[in-house]
Amino acid sequence: MAALVKEIQAADWKSEVLDAAEPVVVDFYSSECPPCEALAPRLEAAAAALAGRARFVKVFRQANRELAVELGVLGSPTLLFYRGGAEVAPRHTGGQIGSGALVKAVEALLA
């Protein structure tokens, strides 16, 4: 099965997130990060359930450090929620990102 969460680089930020027609969930992740690994299948499931209604992207924080610093992303995983080029919901970070919190945040994004 093809990945429904697209990996992007800092150079793609404007086109993939800020200029996106649909709401975007952004996952800043790191390597060797158990909470990041645990979150990945939940994001894939949400992306499958919301295909065509929301876009899901992930950004490797260590390789895109300048973007992470610019956005104030200090840890992994960190989820950001964008609509119309602006961050529109509270961020979710670290081990607090459960399935219920993810679903509620995405539902609010789509409202």
Protein backbone atom coordinates (compact mmCIF):
# COMPACT_ATOMS: atom_id res chain seq x y z
CA MET A 1 0.00 0.00 0.00
CA ALA A 2 1.31 3.44 -0.91
CA ALA A 3 2.02 5.82 1.92
CA LEU A 4 -0.76 8.34 2.40
CA VAL A 5 1.42 10.63 4.49
CA LYS A 6 3.78 12.39 2.09
CA GLU A 7 7.30 13.23 3.24
CA ILE A 8 8.31 16.78 2.34
CA GLN A 9 11.40 18.95 2.70
CA ALA A 10 11.69 22.59 3.79
CA ALA A 11 11.78 23.61 0.11
CA ASP A 12 8.28 22.11 -0.31
CA TRP A 13 6.75 23.92 2.69
CA LYS A 14 5.06 26.73 0.76
CA SER A 15 3.58 24.57 -2.00
CA GLU A 16 2.61 21.58 0.16
CA VAL A 17 1.39 23.36 3.28
CA LEU A 18 0.89 27.11 2.95
CA ASP A 19 -0.63 27.02 -0.56
CA ALA A 20 -2.64 23.80 -0.09
CA ALA A 21 -6.30 23.98 -1.03
CA GLU A 22 -7.27 21.55 1.72
CA PRO A 23 -6.39 21.51 5.44
CA VAL A 24 -2.97 20.05 6.21
CA VAL A 25 -1.74 18.00 9.16
CA VAL A 26 2.05 18.28 9.50
CA ASP A 27 4.06 15.72 11.47
CA PHE A 28 7.58 16.80 12.46
CA TYR A 29 9.34 13.55 13.36
CA SER A 30 12.82 12.31 14.26
CA SER A 31 14.78 9.12 13.80
CA GLU A 32 15.08 6.68 16.70
CA CYS A 33 11.96 8.18 18.29
CA PRO A 34 9.55 5.60 19.76
CA PRO A 35 6.65 8.08 20.04
CA CYS A 36 7.19 9.01 16.36
CA GLU A 37 7.11 5.35 15.37
CA ALA A 38 3.94 4.78 17.42
CA LEU A 39 2.24 7.79 15.81
CA ALA A 40 3.02 6.81 12.20
CA PRO A 41 0.31 4.13 11.77
CA ARG A 42 -2.31 6.39 13.40
CA LEU A 43 -1.46 9.14 10.93
CA GLU A 44 -1.67 6.71 8.02
CA ALA A 45 -5.10 5.54 9.22
CA ALA A 46 -6.34 9.12 9.59
CA ALA A 47 -4.97 9.99 6.14
CA ALA A 48 -6.82 7.01 4.65
CA ALA A 49 -10.07 7.93 6.38
CA LEU A 50 -9.83 11.56 5.29
CA ALA A 51 -8.40 11.11 1.78
CA GLY A 52 -9.54 13.99 -0.40
CA ARG A 53 -10.60 16.08 2.61
CA ALA A 54 -7.25 16.74 4.31
CA ARG A 55 -3.60 16.41 3.39
CA PHE A 56 -1.08 14.71 5.68
CA VAL A 57 2.63 15.44 5.39
CA LYS A 58 5.67 14.62 7.47
CA VAL A 59 8.92 16.53 7.87
CA PHE A 60 12.13 14.92 9.13
CA ARG A 61 13.07 17.44 11.82
CA GLN A 62 16.84 16.80 11.89
CA ALA A 63 17.21 17.26 8.12
CA ASN A 64 14.99 20.37 8.12
CA ARG A 65 16.30 21.97 11.29
CA GLU A 66 16.10 25.55 9.98
CA LEU A 67 12.38 25.18 9.20
CA ALA A 68 11.74 23.53 12.57
CA VAL A 69 13.51 26.37 14.40
CA GLU A 70 11.65 28.99 12.35
CA LEU A 71 8.34 27.38 13.32
CA GLY A 72 9.34 26.85 16.94
CA VAL A 73 9.21 23.06 16.70
CA LEU A 74 11.52 21.89 19.47
CA GLY A 75 10.69 18.20 19.84
CA SER A 76 9.41 15.14 18.06
CA PRO A 77 6.81 14.22 17.28
CA THR A 78 5.04 17.54 16.88
CA LEU A 79 1.80 17.86 14.91
CA LEU A 80 0.81 21.20 13.39
CA PHE A 81 -2.57 21.91 11.80
CA TYR A 82 -2.87 24.33 8.85
CA ARG A 83 -5.78 25.70 6.89
CA GLY A 84 -5.57 28.51 4.35
CA GLY A 85 -1.84 28.95 4.92
CA ALA A 86 -2.16 29.56 8.67
CA GLU A 87 -1.67 27.39 11.72
CA VAL A 88 -5.20 27.05 13.11
CA ALA A 89 -5.14 24.67 16.07
CA PRO A 90 -3.07 23.92 19.15
CA ARG A 91 -0.03 21.78 18.51
CA HIS A 92 0.20 18.22 19.75
CA THR A 93 3.60 17.05 20.95
CA GLY A 94 5.37 14.02 22.31
CA GLY A 95 3.63 11.11 23.94
CA GLN A 96 0.34 13.03 24.39
CA ILE A 97 -0.73 12.30 20.82
CA GLY A 98 -3.32 9.57 21.23
CA SER A 99 -5.78 8.42 18.58
CA GLY A 100 -8.63 10.31 20.23
CA ALA A 101 -6.69 13.58 20.35
CA LEU A 102 -5.65 13.18 16.73
CA VAL A 103 -9.21 12.54 15.55
CA LYS A 104 -10.57 15.53 17.52
CA ALA A 105 -7.88 17.83 16.16
CA VAL A 106 -8.48 16.77 12.54
CA GLU A 107 -12.26 17.05 12.94
CA ALA A 108 -11.81 20.61 14.23
CA LEU A 109 -9.53 21.34 11.29
CA LEU A 110 -12.22 20.22 8.86
CA ALA A 111 -15.04 22.14 10.58
